[in-house]
Amino acid sequence: MILADVLADYEKQLEAVGEEPEALSFVYRGLKQWDLTHFVLQLRQEVSEEDAELLAHVFSQLKNHKPAQYILGYEVFHGLRFQVDERVLIPRPETEELVDLILAENPSTELKVLDIGTGSGAISVSLKKSRLLWQVTASDLSVDALELAKENAKLNQVDISFVQSLCQILPIFLKMIRTKLRSMSWLASQRWPCLLMKRDLPFIDRLLRRQIGI
């Protein structure tokens, strides 16, 4: 059976269980390290036994709702490759907009950046890669996530500080701002430090407000 027919059959089954049909060819191309042109040329070729097993394995994982990026083992974010697996969430495309916004608003300013809940390290690594003079610290409660973030920092050749526990970083931050901060307008007016609050960690914002009395 030619590749186009094998893919078409599997894609119908993926669509039936609510998965993106295109995910199969996306993962298969990535695992084979084929560019789009080579992939198109292969569509009319007979599928080897080895590739048939590979396709069946990928299909099985996708059918069981395993994200394509976890199967590939990486995701591209802000032009950089990040290793991803079940230890972390997959970086979202809209988060790239946050990175672009921070970079655009701080083209030359030297900042100290704290990335809370860093996960794969996508934000902190991307910022450091674009602003080599920035001092970037990445924090996460998960030891496993930090291990992966460290691997991604090394993979993308950036020097970042890592802190395991939020409990370790909050006292430092609070001490730094408690004597000055009386309203959130002061924080908004400052260009140092730059504190990144993740949208999926609202409890941190509440904790900060309670600790500094606003």
C-alpha atoms as a PDB file:
ATOM      1  CA  MET A   1       0.000   0.000   0.000  1.00  0.00           C
ATOM      2  CA  ILE A   2       1.280   3.460  -0.846  1.00  0.00           C
ATOM      3  CA  LEU A   3       1.866   6.060   1.856  1.00  0.00           C
ATOM      4  CA  ALA A   4      -1.022   8.317   0.757  1.00  0.00           C
ATOM      5  CA  ASP A   5      -3.528   5.485   1.211  1.00  0.00           C
ATOM      6  CA  VAL A   6      -2.144   4.441   4.594  1.00  0.00           C
ATOM      7  CA  LEU A   7      -2.332   8.015   5.855  1.00  0.00           C
ATOM      8  CA  ALA A   8      -5.855   8.506   4.488  1.00  0.00           C
ATOM      9  CA  ASP A   9      -7.111   5.388   6.279  1.00  0.00           C
ATOM     10  CA  TYR A  10      -5.566   6.341   9.618  1.00  0.00           C
ATOM     11  CA  GLU A  11      -6.675   9.972   9.311  1.00  0.00           C
ATOM     12  CA  LYS A  12     -10.327   8.940   8.946  1.00  0.00           C
ATOM     13  CA  GLN A  13     -10.052   6.928  12.131  1.00  0.00           C
ATOM     14  CA  LEU A  14      -8.404   9.808  13.996  1.00  0.00           C
ATOM     15  CA  GLU A  15     -11.124  12.182  12.889  1.00  0.00           C
ATOM     16  CA  ALA A  16     -13.726   9.726  14.163  1.00  0.00           C
ATOM     17  CA  VAL A  17     -12.295   9.907  17.694  1.00  0.00           C
ATOM     18  CA  GLY A  18     -11.999  13.687  17.671  1.00  0.00           C
ATOM     19  CA  GLU A  19      -8.303  14.010  16.892  1.00  0.00           C
ATOM     20  CA  GLU A  20      -6.718  16.219  14.242  1.00  0.00           C
ATOM     21  CA  PRO A  21      -6.158  14.043  11.149  1.00  0.00           C
ATOM     22  CA  GLU A  22      -3.131  16.111  10.104  1.00  0.00           C
ATOM     23  CA  ALA A  23      -1.314  15.206  13.318  1.00  0.00           C
ATOM     24  CA  LEU A  24      -0.304  11.826  11.882  1.00  0.00           C
ATOM     25  CA  SER A  25       1.587  13.181   8.886  1.00  0.00           C
ATOM     26  CA  PHE A  26       3.023  15.968  11.075  1.00  0.00           C
ATOM     27  CA  VAL A  27       4.510  13.478  13.540  1.00  0.00           C
ATOM     28  CA  TYR A  28       5.564  11.012  10.834  1.00  0.00           C
ATOM     29  CA  ARG A  29       7.403  13.731   8.903  1.00  0.00           C
ATOM     30  CA  GLY A  30       9.098  14.904  12.076  1.00  0.00           C
ATOM     31  CA  LEU A  31      10.252  11.425  13.075  1.00  0.00           C
ATOM     32  CA  LYS A  32      11.530  10.765   9.556  1.00  0.00           C
ATOM     33  CA  GLN A  33      13.137  14.224   9.453  1.00  0.00           C
ATOM     34  CA  TRP A  34      11.616  14.910   6.052  1.00  0.00           C
ATOM     35  CA  ASP A  35      10.925  18.369   4.694  1.00  0.00           C
ATOM     36  CA  LEU A  36       7.596  18.988   2.975  1.00  0.00           C
ATOM     37  CA  THR A  37       8.959  18.440  -0.528  1.00  0.00           C
ATOM     38  CA  HIS A  38      10.420  15.045   0.331  1.00  0.00           C
ATOM     39  CA  PHE A  39       7.215  14.050   2.089  1.00  0.00           C
ATOM     40  CA  VAL A  40       5.093  14.876  -0.975  1.00  0.00           C
ATOM     41  CA  LEU A  41       7.420  12.846  -3.184  1.00  0.00           C
ATOM     42  CA  GLN A  42       7.026   9.863  -0.882  1.00  0.00           C
ATOM     43  CA  LEU A  43       3.221   9.859  -0.926  1.00  0.00           C
ATOM     44  CA  ARG A  44       3.045   7.652  -4.048  1.00  0.00           C
ATOM     45  CA  GLN A  45       5.683   5.233  -2.783  1.00  0.00           C
ATOM     46  CA  GLU A  46       5.032   1.845  -1.212  1.00  0.00           C
ATOM     47  CA  VAL A  47       5.313   1.839   2.570  1.00  0.00           C
ATOM     48  CA  SER A  48       8.067  -0.400   3.909  1.00  0.00           C
ATOM     49  CA  GLU A  49       7.399  -2.830   6.741  1.00  0.00           C
ATOM     50  CA  GLU A  50       9.459  -0.708   9.095  1.00  0.00           C
ATOM     51  CA  ASP A  51       7.550   2.461   8.224  1.00  0.00           C
ATOM     52  CA  ALA A  52       4.235   0.638   8.460  1.00  0.00           C
ATOM     53  CA  GLU A  53       5.090  -0.292  12.045  1.00  0.00           C
ATOM     54  CA  LEU A  54       6.126   3.284  12.771  1.00  0.00           C
ATOM     55  CA  LEU A  55       2.883   4.669  11.376  1.00  0.00           C
ATOM     56  CA  ALA A  56       0.830   2.154  13.348  1.00  0.00           C
ATOM     57  CA  HIS A  57       2.658   3.091  16.537  1.00  0.00           C
ATOM     58  CA  VAL A  58       2.154   6.823  15.991  1.00  0.00           C
ATOM     59  CA  PHE A  59      -1.499   6.280  15.102  1.00  0.00           C
ATOM     60  CA  SER A  60      -2.078   4.260  18.260  1.00  0.00           C
ATOM     61  CA  GLN A  61      -0.674   7.035  20.441  1.00  0.00           C
ATOM     62  CA  LEU A  62      -2.631   9.763  18.685  1.00  0.00           C
ATOM     63  CA  LYS A  63      -5.815   7.696  18.893  1.00  0.00           C
ATOM     64  CA  ASN A  64      -5.268   7.516  22.658  1.00  0.00           C
ATOM     65  CA  HIS A  65      -5.057  11.318  22.699  1.00  0.00           C
ATOM     66  CA  LYS A  66      -1.329  11.670  23.261  1.00  0.00           C
ATOM     67  CA  PRO A  67      -0.249  15.114  21.983  1.00  0.00           C
ATOM     68  CA  ALA A  68       1.800  15.109  18.805  1.00  0.00           C
ATOM     69  CA  GLN A  69       4.566  17.123  20.475  1.00  0.00           C
ATOM     70  CA  TYR A  70       4.984  14.497  23.199  1.00  0.00           C
ATOM     71  CA  ILE A  71       5.371  11.817  20.553  1.00  0.00           C
ATOM     72  CA  LEU A  72       7.949  13.875  18.680  1.00  0.00           C
ATOM     73  CA  GLY A  73       9.629  14.901  21.907  1.00  0.00           C
ATOM     74  CA  TYR A  74       9.900  18.574  21.023  1.00  0.00           C
ATOM     75  CA  GLU A  75       8.040  21.758  20.152  1.00  0.00           C
ATOM     76  CA  VAL A  76       9.257  24.808  18.263  1.00  0.00           C
ATOM     77  CA  PHE A  77       8.654  28.034  20.199  1.00  0.00           C
ATOM     78  CA  HIS A  78       9.806  31.498  19.174  1.00  0.00           C
ATOM     79  CA  GLY A  79      12.084  29.948  16.566  1.00  0.00           C
ATOM     80  CA  LEU A  80      13.784  27.679  19.109  1.00  0.00           C
ATOM     81  CA  ARG A  81      13.431  23.954  19.720  1.00  0.00           C
ATOM     82  CA  PHE A  82      12.318  22.835  23.169  1.00  0.00           C
ATOM     83  CA  GLN A  83      12.219  19.304  24.448  1.00  0.00           C
ATOM     84  CA  VAL A  84       8.795  18.461  25.852  1.00  0.00           C
ATOM     85  CA  ASP A  85       7.294  15.429  27.514  1.00  0.00           C
ATOM     86  CA  GLU A  86       4.728  14.587  30.192  1.00  0.00           C
ATOM     87  CA  ARG A  87       6.746  16.491  32.806  1.00  0.00           C
ATOM     88  CA  VAL A  88       5.613  19.832  31.377  1.00  0.00           C
ATOM     89  CA  LEU A  89       2.785  21.448  29.450  1.00  0.00           C
ATOM     90  CA  ILE A  90       3.334  22.115  25.768  1.00  0.00           C
ATOM     91  CA  PRO A  91       4.222  25.784  25.087  1.00  0.00           C
ATOM     92  CA  ARG A  92       1.262  27.537  23.489  1.00  0.00           C
ATOM     93  CA  PRO A  93       1.511  29.687  20.335  1.00  0.00           C
ATOM     94  CA  GLU A  94      -0.230  32.611  22.050  1.00  0.00           C
ATOM     95  CA  THR A  95       2.512  32.657  24.680  1.00  0.00           C
ATOM     96  CA  GLU A  96       4.905  33.676  21.914  1.00  0.00           C
ATOM     97  CA  GLU A  97       2.910  36.910  21.722  1.00  0.00           C
ATOM     98  CA  LEU A  98       3.767  37.557  25.378  1.00  0.00           C
ATOM     99  CA  VAL A  99       7.467  37.069  24.646  1.00  0.00           C
ATOM    100  CA  ASP A 100       7.254  39.364  21.626  1.00  0.00           C
ATOM    101  CA  LEU A 101       5.475  42.016  23.705  1.00  0.00           C
ATOM    102  CA  ILE A 102       8.093  41.948  26.470  1.00  0.00           C
ATOM    103  CA  LEU A 103      10.912  42.181  23.948  1.00  0.00           C
ATOM    104  CA  ALA A 104       9.219  44.983  22.026  1.00  0.00           C
ATOM    105  CA  GLU A 105       8.628  47.042  25.178  1.00  0.00           C
ATOM    106  CA  ASN A 106      12.203  46.516  26.376  1.00  0.00           C
ATOM    107  CA  PRO A 107      14.450  46.794  23.304  1.00  0.00           C
ATOM    108  CA  SER A 108      17.569  47.880  25.161  1.00  0.00           C
ATOM    109  CA  THR A 109      16.728  47.993  28.866  1.00  0.00           C
ATOM    110  CA  GLU A 110      18.674  45.581  31.043  1.00  0.00           C
ATOM    111  CA  LEU A 111      16.198  43.649  33.160  1.00  0.00           C
ATOM    112  CA  LYS A 112      16.109  41.070  35.898  1.00  0.00           C
ATOM    113  CA  VAL A 113      13.396  38.621  34.960  1.00  0.00           C
ATOM    114  CA  LEU A 114      11.625  36.111  37.181  1.00  0.00           C
ATOM    115  CA  ASP A 115       9.676  33.427  35.317  1.00  0.00           C
ATOM    116  CA  ILE A 116       7.338  31.683  37.773  1.00  0.00           C
ATOM    117  CA  GLY A 117       6.059  28.263  36.775  1.00  0.00           C
ATOM    118  CA  THR A 118       8.607  28.008  33.985  1.00  0.00           C
ATOM    119  CA  GLY A 119       7.691  24.486  32.845  1.00  0.00           C
ATOM    120  CA  SER A 120       9.765  23.714  29.759  1.00  0.00           C
ATOM    121  CA  GLY A 121      11.538  27.057  30.118  1.00  0.00           C
ATOM    122  CA  ALA A 122      10.078  28.362  26.861  1.00  0.00           C
ATOM    123  CA  ILE A 123       9.554  31.938  28.072  1.00  0.00           C
ATOM    124  CA  SER A 124      12.744  32.340  30.083  1.00  0.00           C
ATOM    125  CA  VAL A 125      14.967  30.717  27.453  1.00  0.00           C
ATOM    126  CA  SER A 126      13.400  32.711  24.613  1.00  0.00           C
ATOM    127  CA  LEU A 127      13.842  35.982  26.483  1.00  0.00           C
ATOM    128  CA  LYS A 128      17.437  35.228  27.403  1.00  0.00           C
ATOM    129  CA  LYS A 129      18.242  34.152  23.851  1.00  0.00           C
ATOM    130  CA  SER A 130      17.030  37.510  22.553  1.00  0.00           C
ATOM    131  CA  ARG A 131      18.415  39.624  25.415  1.00  0.00           C
ATOM    132  CA  LEU A 132      21.769  38.186  26.465  1.00  0.00           C
ATOM    133  CA  LEU A 133      22.392  40.919  29.053  1.00  0.00           C
ATOM    134  CA  TRP A 134      19.208  40.194  30.979  1.00  0.00           C
ATOM    135  CA  GLN A 135      19.487  38.293  34.246  1.00  0.00           C
ATOM    136  CA  VAL A 136      16.842  35.585  34.005  1.00  0.00           C
ATOM    137  CA  THR A 137      15.687  33.346  36.852  1.00  0.00           C
ATOM    138  CA  ALA A 138      13.261  30.487  36.211  1.00  0.00           C
ATOM    139  CA  SER A 139      11.264  28.923  39.040  1.00  0.00           C
ATOM    140  CA  ASP A 140       9.026  25.875  39.264  1.00  0.00           C
ATOM    141  CA  LEU A 141       7.675  23.718  42.057  1.00  0.00           C
ATOM    142  CA  SER A 142       8.363  20.581  40.018  1.00  0.00           C
ATOM    143  CA  VAL A 143      11.868  19.153  40.145  1.00  0.00           C
ATOM    144  CA  ASP A 144      11.150  17.179  36.981  1.00  0.00           C
ATOM    145  CA  ALA A 145      10.049  20.301  35.118  1.00  0.00           C
ATOM    146  CA  LEU A 146      13.177  22.158  36.192  1.00  0.00           C
ATOM    147  CA  GLU A 147      15.367  19.315  34.967  1.00  0.00           C
ATOM    148  CA  LEU A 148      13.775  19.597  31.540  1.00  0.00           C
ATOM    149  CA  ALA A 149      13.994  23.405  31.566  1.00  0.00           C
ATOM    150  CA  LYS A 150      17.709  23.142  32.356  1.00  0.00           C
ATOM    151  CA  GLU A 151      18.133  20.773  29.409  1.00  0.00           C
ATOM    152  CA  ASN A 152      16.374  23.273  27.157  1.00  0.00           C
ATOM    153  CA  ALA A 153      18.567  26.122  28.397  1.00  0.00           C
ATOM    154  CA  LYS A 154      21.631  24.050  27.585  1.00  0.00           C
ATOM    155  CA  LEU A 155      20.184  22.991  24.235  1.00  0.00           C
ATOM    156  CA  ASN A 156      19.644  26.626  23.270  1.00  0.00           C
ATOM    157  CA  GLN A 157      22.952  27.753  24.788  1.00  0.00           C
ATOM    158  CA  VAL A 158      21.717  30.307  27.322  1.00  0.00           C
ATOM    159  CA  ASP A 159      22.760  30.916  30.928  1.00  0.00           C
ATOM    160  CA  ILE A 160      19.750  30.994  33.266  1.00  0.00           C
ATOM    161  CA  SER A 161      19.422  30.633  37.042  1.00  0.00           C
ATOM    162  CA  PHE A 162      16.963  28.008  38.273  1.00  0.00           C
ATOM    163  CA  VAL A 163      15.102  27.883  41.586  1.00  0.00           C
ATOM    164  CA  GLN A 164      13.027  24.881  42.550  1.00  0.00           C
ATOM    165  CA  SER A 165      10.507  26.266  44.990  1.00  0.00           C
ATOM    166  CA  LEU A 166       8.338  29.339  44.881  1.00  0.00           C
ATOM    167  CA  CYS A 167       8.862  29.520  48.644  1.00  0.00           C
ATOM    168  CA  GLN A 168      12.543  30.201  47.971  1.00  0.00           C
ATOM    169  CA  ILE A 169      11.947  33.025  45.546  1.00  0.00           C
ATOM    170  CA  LEU A 170       9.003  34.881  47.106  1.00  0.00           C
ATOM    171  CA  PRO A 171      10.821  36.121  50.238  1.00  0.00           C
ATOM    172  CA  ILE A 172      13.593  37.526  48.055  1.00  0.00           C
ATOM    173  CA  PHE A 173      11.142  39.326  45.821  1.00  0.00           C
ATOM    174  CA  LEU A 174       9.001  40.607  48.704  1.00  0.00           C
ATOM    175  CA  LYS A 175      12.011  41.946  50.575  1.00  0.00           C
ATOM    176  CA  MET A 176      13.109  43.737  47.443  1.00  0.00           C
ATOM    177  CA  ILE A 177       9.838  45.599  46.924  1.00  0.00           C
ATOM    178  CA  ARG A 178       8.124  45.807  50.347  1.00  0.00           C
ATOM    179  CA  THR A 179       9.877  49.044  51.331  1.00  0.00           C
ATOM    180  CA  LYS A 180       8.869  50.744  48.092  1.00  0.00           C
ATOM    181  CA  LEU A 181       5.651  49.224  46.875  1.00  0.00           C
ATOM    182  CA  ARG A 182       2.483  50.916  48.120  1.00  0.00           C
ATOM    183  CA  SER A 183       0.330  50.487  45.066  1.00  0.00           C
ATOM    184  CA  MET A 184       0.341  48.419  41.911  1.00  0.00           C
ATOM    185  CA  SER A 185       0.815  51.650  39.943  1.00  0.00           C
ATOM    186  CA  TRP A 186       4.385  51.865  41.295  1.00  0.00           C
ATOM    187  CA  LEU A 187       5.168  48.383  40.000  1.00  0.00           C
ATOM    188  CA  ALA A 188       3.672  49.234  36.642  1.00  0.00           C
ATOM    189  CA  SER A 189       5.910  52.297  36.361  1.00  0.00           C
ATOM    190  CA  GLN A 190       9.124  50.397  37.028  1.00  0.00           C
ATOM    191  CA  ARG A 191      11.350  48.816  34.407  1.00  0.00           C
ATOM    192  CA  TRP A 192      13.256  46.779  37.009  1.00  0.00           C
ATOM    193  CA  PRO A 193      12.531  44.101  37.923  1.00  0.00           C
ATOM    194  CA  CYS A 194      10.267  42.533  35.330  1.00  0.00           C
ATOM    195  CA  LEU A 195       8.033  39.967  37.015  1.00  0.00           C
ATOM    196  CA  LEU A 196       6.279  37.463  34.802  1.00  0.00           C
ATOM    197  CA  MET A 197       2.994  36.214  36.256  1.00  0.00           C
ATOM    198  CA  LYS A 198       1.614  33.188  34.478  1.00  0.00           C
ATOM    199  CA  ARG A 199      -2.100  33.260  33.725  1.00  0.00           C
ATOM    200  CA  ASP A 200      -2.512  29.729  35.022  1.00  0.00           C
ATOM    201  CA  LEU A 201      -1.026  30.673  38.421  1.00  0.00           C
ATOM    202  CA  PRO A 202      -3.504  33.278  39.766  1.00  0.00           C
ATOM    203  CA  PHE A 203      -2.824  32.246  43.366  1.00  0.00           C
ATOM    204  CA  ILE A 204       0.626  33.852  43.121  1.00  0.00           C
ATOM    205  CA  ASP A 205      -0.897  37.259  42.406  1.00  0.00           C
ATOM    206  CA  ARG A 206      -3.272  36.861  45.348  1.00  0.00           C
ATOM    207  CA  LEU A 207      -0.415  35.813  47.604  1.00  0.00           C
ATOM    208  CA  LEU A 208       1.694  38.811  46.604  1.00  0.00           C
ATOM    209  CA  ARG A 209      -1.168  41.189  47.248  1.00  0.00           C
ATOM    210  CA  ARG A 210      -1.753  39.703  50.675  1.00  0.00           C
ATOM    211  CA  GLN A 211       1.926  39.779  51.627  1.00  0.00           C
ATOM    212  CA  ILE A 212       2.453  43.412  50.636  1.00  0.00           C
ATOM    213  CA  GLY A 213      -0.885  44.618  51.902  1.00  0.00           C
ATOM    214  CA  ILE A 214      -2.671  45.848  48.794  1.00  0.00           C
END
